[in-house]
């Protein structure tokens, strides 16, 4: 049975919430020094990228409505395949400046999908 495309949006929201919880109250310096936190955050970003990849195959129109979705998938690929050269301040910047907008976008799309 194929998964409902809304499930991928929910996966993205849950991953974002996990990232936000992992970095709550810490600084970039603490983030850089904690392999455990970095690993957790990177794993959640991978989930976000995977969910978007599946969404692109399952519902291309919905995927196109997720702002910067191709760039997010590219970011996931870099975290996965170029792990030796991860730029931690860049990851931190994404957390600080882009995650909340993605969360809000997913929330809005979910509401639109539920509307009659």
N, C-alpha and C. Protein backbone atom coordinates (compact mmCIF):
# COMPACT_ATOMS: atom_id res chain seq x y z
N UNK A 1 0.83 -1.18 0.00
CA UNK A 1 0.00 0.00 0.00
C UNK A 1 0.89 1.25 0.00
N UNK A 2 0.54 2.17 -0.87
CA UNK A 2 1.31 3.41 -0.95
C UNK A 2 0.95 4.34 0.20
N UNK A 3 1.95 5.07 0.62
CA UNK A 3 1.77 6.01 1.72
C UNK A 3 1.07 7.28 1.25
N UNK A 4 0.23 7.81 2.07
CA UNK A 4 -0.43 9.08 1.78
C UNK A 4 0.64 10.17 1.75
N UNK A 5 0.64 11.03 0.74
CA UNK A 5 1.65 12.10 0.67
C UNK A 5 1.70 12.99 1.90
N UNK A 6 0.58 13.13 2.59
CA UNK A 6 0.56 13.94 3.81
C UNK A 6 1.48 13.38 4.88
N UNK A 7 1.67 12.07 4.85
CA UNK A 7 2.55 11.44 5.85
C UNK A 7 3.98 11.95 5.73
N UNK A 8 4.41 12.24 4.51
CA UNK A 8 5.77 12.76 4.33
C UNK A 8 5.89 14.17 4.91
N UNK A 9 4.85 14.97 4.75
CA UNK A 9 4.87 16.30 5.35
C UNK A 9 4.91 16.20 6.87
N UNK A 10 4.19 15.25 7.43
CA UNK A 10 4.24 15.03 8.88
C UNK A 10 5.61 14.55 9.33
N UNK A 11 6.24 13.68 8.54
CA UNK A 11 7.61 13.24 8.86
C UNK A 11 8.56 14.42 8.91
N UNK A 12 8.41 15.33 7.95
CA UNK A 12 9.27 16.52 7.90
C UNK A 12 9.06 17.36 9.15
N UNK A 13 7.81 17.57 9.50
CA UNK A 13 7.53 18.38 10.70
C UNK A 13 8.11 17.73 11.95
N UNK A 14 7.95 16.43 12.09
CA UNK A 14 8.50 15.74 13.26
C UNK A 14 10.02 15.83 13.31
N UNK A 15 10.67 15.72 12.15
CA UNK A 15 12.13 15.83 12.11
C UNK A 15 12.57 17.24 12.50
N UNK A 16 11.86 18.23 12.02
CA UNK A 16 12.18 19.62 12.37
C UNK A 16 12.04 19.82 13.88
N UNK A 17 10.97 19.30 14.44
CA UNK A 17 10.75 19.44 15.88
C UNK A 17 11.86 18.73 16.67
N UNK A 18 12.32 17.60 16.17
CA UNK A 18 13.42 16.89 16.84
C UNK A 18 14.71 17.70 16.77
N UNK A 19 14.96 18.32 15.63
CA UNK A 19 16.16 19.18 15.51
C UNK A 19 16.06 20.35 16.48
N UNK A 20 14.91 20.99 16.49
CA UNK A 20 14.74 22.13 17.39
C UNK A 20 14.93 21.73 18.86
N UNK A 21 14.43 20.57 19.22
CA UNK A 21 14.60 20.10 20.60
C UNK A 21 16.07 19.80 20.90
N UNK A 22 16.77 19.24 19.91
CA UNK A 22 18.18 18.87 20.12
C UNK A 22 19.07 20.09 20.32
N UNK A 23 18.71 21.22 19.71
CA UNK A 23 19.58 22.41 19.79
C UNK A 23 19.03 23.49 20.71
N UNK A 24 17.91 23.22 21.35
CA UNK A 24 17.31 24.22 22.23
C UNK A 24 18.29 24.62 23.34
N UNK A 25 18.52 25.91 23.44
CA UNK A 25 19.35 26.43 24.52
C UNK A 25 20.85 26.26 24.37
N UNK A 26 21.31 25.82 23.21
CA UNK A 26 22.76 25.68 23.03
C UNK A 26 23.26 26.69 22.01
N UNK A 27 24.56 26.85 21.99
CA UNK A 27 25.21 27.76 21.06
C UNK A 27 25.85 26.97 19.92
N UNK A 28 26.27 27.68 18.91
CA UNK A 28 27.01 27.05 17.82
C UNK A 28 28.24 26.34 18.36
N UNK A 29 28.94 26.96 19.28
CA UNK A 29 30.14 26.34 19.85
C UNK A 29 29.81 25.00 20.51
N UNK A 30 28.74 24.97 21.28
CA UNK A 30 28.34 23.72 21.92
C UNK A 30 27.94 22.69 20.87
N UNK A 31 27.22 23.15 19.86
CA UNK A 31 26.82 22.25 18.76
C UNK A 31 28.05 21.63 18.11
N UNK A 32 29.04 22.45 17.81
CA UNK A 32 30.26 21.95 17.16
C UNK A 32 31.02 20.96 18.03
N UNK A 33 30.94 21.13 19.34
CA UNK A 33 31.69 20.27 20.25
C UNK A 33 30.97 18.96 20.61
N UNK A 34 29.69 18.87 20.27
CA UNK A 34 28.91 17.70 20.67
C UNK A 34 28.62 16.80 19.45
N UNK A 35 29.38 15.75 19.34
CA UNK A 35 29.15 14.80 18.25
C UNK A 35 27.75 14.19 18.36
N UNK A 36 27.30 13.94 19.56
CA UNK A 36 25.98 13.35 19.76
C UNK A 36 24.88 14.25 19.20
N UNK A 37 24.93 15.52 19.51
CA UNK A 37 23.92 16.45 19.00
C UNK A 37 24.04 16.59 17.49
N UNK A 38 25.27 16.74 16.99
CA UNK A 38 25.45 16.86 15.53
C UNK A 38 24.91 15.63 14.81
N UNK A 39 25.18 14.46 15.34
CA UNK A 39 24.69 13.22 14.73
C UNK A 39 23.17 13.18 14.70
N UNK A 40 22.59 13.58 15.79
CA UNK A 40 21.13 13.60 15.88
C UNK A 40 20.54 14.57 14.86
N UNK A 41 21.09 15.76 14.81
CA UNK A 41 20.60 16.78 13.88
C UNK A 41 20.78 16.32 12.43
N UNK A 42 21.95 15.79 12.12
CA UNK A 42 22.21 15.35 10.76
C UNK A 42 21.26 14.23 10.36
N UNK A 43 20.97 13.30 11.27
CA UNK A 43 20.03 12.22 10.99
C UNK A 43 18.65 12.77 10.68
N UNK A 44 18.21 13.76 11.42
CA UNK A 44 16.89 14.34 11.18
C UNK A 44 16.85 15.09 9.84
N UNK A 45 17.95 15.75 9.48
CA UNK A 45 18.01 16.40 8.16
C UNK A 45 17.95 15.34 7.05
N UNK A 46 18.56 14.20 7.28
CA UNK A 46 18.50 13.11 6.30
C UNK A 46 17.06 12.63 6.15
N UNK A 47 16.34 12.52 7.25
CA UNK A 47 14.94 12.14 7.19
C UNK A 47 14.14 13.15 6.39
N UNK A 48 14.38 14.43 6.60
CA UNK A 48 13.69 15.47 5.85
C UNK A 48 13.94 15.31 4.36
N UNK A 49 15.21 15.12 4.00
CA UNK A 49 15.55 14.96 2.59
C UNK A 49 14.94 13.71 1.98
N UNK A 50 14.93 12.62 2.74
CA UNK A 50 14.34 11.38 2.25
C UNK A 50 12.83 11.53 2.07
N UNK A 51 12.19 12.18 3.02
CA UNK A 51 10.74 12.39 2.91
C UNK A 51 10.41 13.21 1.66
N UNK A 52 11.22 14.22 1.39
CA UNK A 52 10.99 15.02 0.19
C UNK A 52 11.26 14.23 -1.09
N UNK A 53 12.26 13.38 -1.07
CA UNK A 53 12.54 12.53 -2.23
C UNK A 53 11.36 11.62 -2.51
N UNK A 54 10.83 10.99 -1.48
CA UNK A 54 9.66 10.12 -1.65
C UNK A 54 8.44 10.93 -2.11
N UNK A 55 8.27 12.11 -1.54
CA UNK A 55 7.15 12.97 -1.93
C UNK A 55 7.25 13.35 -3.41
N UNK A 56 8.46 13.61 -3.88
CA UNK A 56 8.63 13.99 -5.29
C UNK A 56 8.17 12.88 -6.23
N UNK A 57 8.34 11.64 -5.80
CA UNK A 57 7.93 10.49 -6.62
C UNK A 57 6.44 10.18 -6.46
N UNK A 58 5.92 10.49 -5.31
CA UNK A 58 4.52 10.14 -5.00
C UNK A 58 3.54 11.21 -5.44
N UNK A 59 3.93 12.50 -5.29
CA UNK A 59 3.03 13.61 -5.62
C UNK A 59 3.86 14.81 -6.07
N UNK A 60 4.18 14.84 -7.35
CA UNK A 60 5.07 15.88 -7.89
C UNK A 60 4.50 17.28 -7.70
N UNK A 61 3.19 17.42 -7.79
CA UNK A 61 2.58 18.74 -7.63
C UNK A 61 2.74 19.24 -6.19
N UNK A 62 2.53 18.38 -5.24
CA UNK A 62 2.71 18.75 -3.83
C UNK A 62 4.18 19.04 -3.55
N UNK A 63 5.06 18.21 -4.08
CA UNK A 63 6.50 18.43 -3.92
C UNK A 63 6.89 19.82 -4.43
N UNK A 64 6.35 20.21 -5.57
CA UNK A 64 6.68 21.52 -6.16
C UNK A 64 6.23 22.67 -5.28
N UNK A 65 5.29 22.43 -4.40
CA UNK A 65 4.79 23.48 -3.51
C UNK A 65 5.62 23.64 -2.25
N UNK A 66 6.57 22.75 -2.04
CA UNK A 66 7.48 22.86 -0.88
C UNK A 66 8.66 23.73 -1.32
N UNK A 67 8.75 24.89 -0.73
CA UNK A 67 9.78 25.85 -1.12
C UNK A 67 11.19 25.28 -0.92
N UNK A 68 12.00 25.41 -1.94
CA UNK A 68 13.40 24.99 -1.93
C UNK A 68 13.59 23.49 -1.73
N UNK A 69 12.59 22.70 -2.09
CA UNK A 69 12.68 21.25 -1.90
C UNK A 69 13.91 20.63 -2.57
N UNK A 70 14.23 20.98 -3.83
CA UNK A 70 15.43 20.38 -4.44
C UNK A 70 16.72 20.72 -3.67
N UNK A 71 16.81 21.93 -3.15
CA UNK A 71 17.99 22.33 -2.39
C UNK A 71 18.07 21.56 -1.07
N UNK A 72 16.92 21.28 -0.49
CA UNK A 72 16.89 20.52 0.76
C UNK A 72 17.38 19.10 0.52
N UNK A 73 16.96 18.52 -0.59
CA UNK A 73 17.43 17.17 -0.94
C UNK A 73 18.93 17.19 -1.19
N UNK A 74 19.42 18.22 -1.86
CA UNK A 74 20.85 18.35 -2.09
C UNK A 74 21.61 18.47 -0.77
N UNK A 75 21.07 19.21 0.17
CA UNK A 75 21.67 19.36 1.49
C UNK A 75 21.74 18.00 2.18
N UNK A 76 20.68 17.21 2.08
CA UNK A 76 20.66 15.87 2.63
C UNK A 76 21.76 15.01 2.02
N UNK A 77 21.92 15.11 0.71
CA UNK A 77 22.94 14.33 0.02
C UNK A 77 24.35 14.70 0.49
N UNK A 78 24.57 15.98 0.70
CA UNK A 78 25.89 16.42 1.19
C UNK A 78 26.15 15.88 2.60
N UNK A 79 25.14 15.94 3.44
CA UNK A 79 25.31 15.42 4.80
C UNK A 79 25.60 13.92 4.79
N UNK A 80 24.98 13.22 3.87
CA UNK A 80 25.13 11.77 3.80
C UNK A 80 26.44 11.34 3.16
N UNK A 81 26.77 11.95 2.03
CA UNK A 81 27.88 11.47 1.23
C UNK A 81 29.18 12.25 1.41
N UNK A 82 29.08 13.44 1.94
CA UNK A 82 30.28 14.27 2.14
C UNK A 82 30.47 14.56 3.63
N UNK A 83 30.23 13.55 4.43
CA UNK A 83 30.25 13.71 5.90
C UNK A 83 31.58 14.21 6.43
N UNK A 84 32.68 13.96 5.72
CA UNK A 84 34.01 14.37 6.18
C UNK A 84 34.16 15.89 6.15
N UNK A 85 33.44 16.53 5.25
CA UNK A 85 33.61 17.97 5.06
C UNK A 85 32.37 18.78 5.46
N UNK A 86 31.58 18.26 6.39
CA UNK A 86 30.39 18.99 6.80
C UNK A 86 30.79 20.32 7.43
N UNK A 87 30.14 21.36 6.97
CA UNK A 87 30.36 22.71 7.47
C UNK A 87 29.35 22.95 8.60
N UNK A 88 29.80 22.80 9.84
CA UNK A 88 28.90 22.89 10.98
C UNK A 88 28.25 24.27 11.12
N UNK A 89 28.98 25.37 10.89
CA UNK A 89 28.29 26.67 10.93
C UNK A 89 27.20 26.80 9.86
N UNK A 90 27.39 26.16 8.71
CA UNK A 90 26.35 26.18 7.69
C UNK A 90 25.11 25.42 8.16
N UNK A 91 25.32 24.25 8.74
CA UNK A 91 24.19 23.47 9.28
C UNK A 91 23.48 24.29 10.35
N UNK A 92 24.24 24.91 11.22
CA UNK A 92 23.67 25.73 12.28
C UNK A 92 22.86 26.88 11.68
N UNK A 93 23.36 27.48 10.64
CA UNK A 93 22.63 28.56 9.97
C UNK A 93 21.31 28.09 9.38
N UNK A 94 21.32 26.90 8.80
CA UNK A 94 20.07 26.34 8.27
C UNK A 94 19.08 26.15 9.41
N UNK A 95 19.55 25.64 10.52
CA UNK A 95 18.68 25.44 11.68
C UNK A 95 18.08 26.77 12.12
N UNK A 96 18.92 27.78 12.24
CA UNK A 96 18.49 29.07 12.78
C UNK A 96 17.61 29.87 11.82
N UNK A 97 17.84 29.71 10.51
CA UNK A 97 17.20 30.62 9.56
C UNK A 97 16.21 29.99 8.58
N UNK A 98 16.14 28.67 8.52
CA UNK A 98 15.29 28.06 7.50
C UNK A 98 14.30 27.03 8.01
N UNK A 99 14.58 26.40 9.12
CA UNK A 99 13.73 25.31 9.58
C UNK A 99 12.32 25.75 9.93
N UNK A 100 12.19 26.85 10.61
CA UNK A 100 10.85 27.29 11.02
C UNK A 100 9.98 27.57 9.80
N UNK A 101 10.56 28.16 8.76
CA UNK A 101 9.79 28.43 7.54
C UNK A 101 9.34 27.13 6.87
N UNK A 102 10.21 26.13 6.85
CA UNK A 102 9.84 24.84 6.28
C UNK A 102 8.72 24.20 7.10
N UNK A 103 8.81 24.27 8.40
CA UNK A 103 7.77 23.72 9.28
C UNK A 103 6.44 24.41 8.98
N UNK A 104 6.46 25.73 8.90
CA UNK A 104 5.23 26.49 8.63
C UNK A 104 4.67 26.14 7.25
N UNK A 105 5.54 25.98 6.28
CA UNK A 105 5.11 25.62 4.93
C UNK A 105 4.41 24.26 4.92
N UNK A 106 4.98 23.29 5.61
CA UNK A 106 4.37 21.96 5.69
C UNK A 106 3.03 22.03 6.39
N UNK A 107 2.96 22.83 7.44
CA UNK A 107 1.70 22.99 8.17
C UNK A 107 0.63 23.59 7.27
N UNK A 108 1.00 24.59 6.51
CA UNK A 108 0.05 25.24 5.60
C UNK A 108 -0.42 24.26 4.52
N UNK A 109 0.50 23.51 3.96
CA UNK A 109 0.13 22.53 2.94
C UNK A 109 -0.81 21.47 3.52
N UNK A 110 -0.53 21.01 4.72
CA UNK A 110 -1.41 20.04 5.35
C UNK A 110 -2.82 20.59 5.55
N UNK A 111 -2.92 21.85 5.96
CA UNK A 111 -4.23 22.47 6.14
C UNK A 111 -4.96 22.58 4.81
N UNK A 112 -4.23 22.95 3.77
CA UNK A 112 -4.85 23.06 2.45
C UNK A 112 -5.33 21.70 1.96
N UNK A 113 -4.60 20.66 2.25
CA UNK A 113 -5.00 19.31 1.81
C UNK A 113 -6.21 18.80 2.57
N UNK A 114 -6.40 19.29 3.79
CA UNK A 114 -7.54 18.86 4.59
C UNK A 114 -8.79 19.67 4.29
N UNK A 115 -8.63 20.84 3.67
CA UNK A 115 -9.78 21.71 3.38
C UNK A 115 -10.69 21.02 2.35
N UNK A 116 -12.00 21.22 2.50
CA UNK A 116 -12.93 20.59 1.55
C UNK A 116 -12.84 21.15 0.15
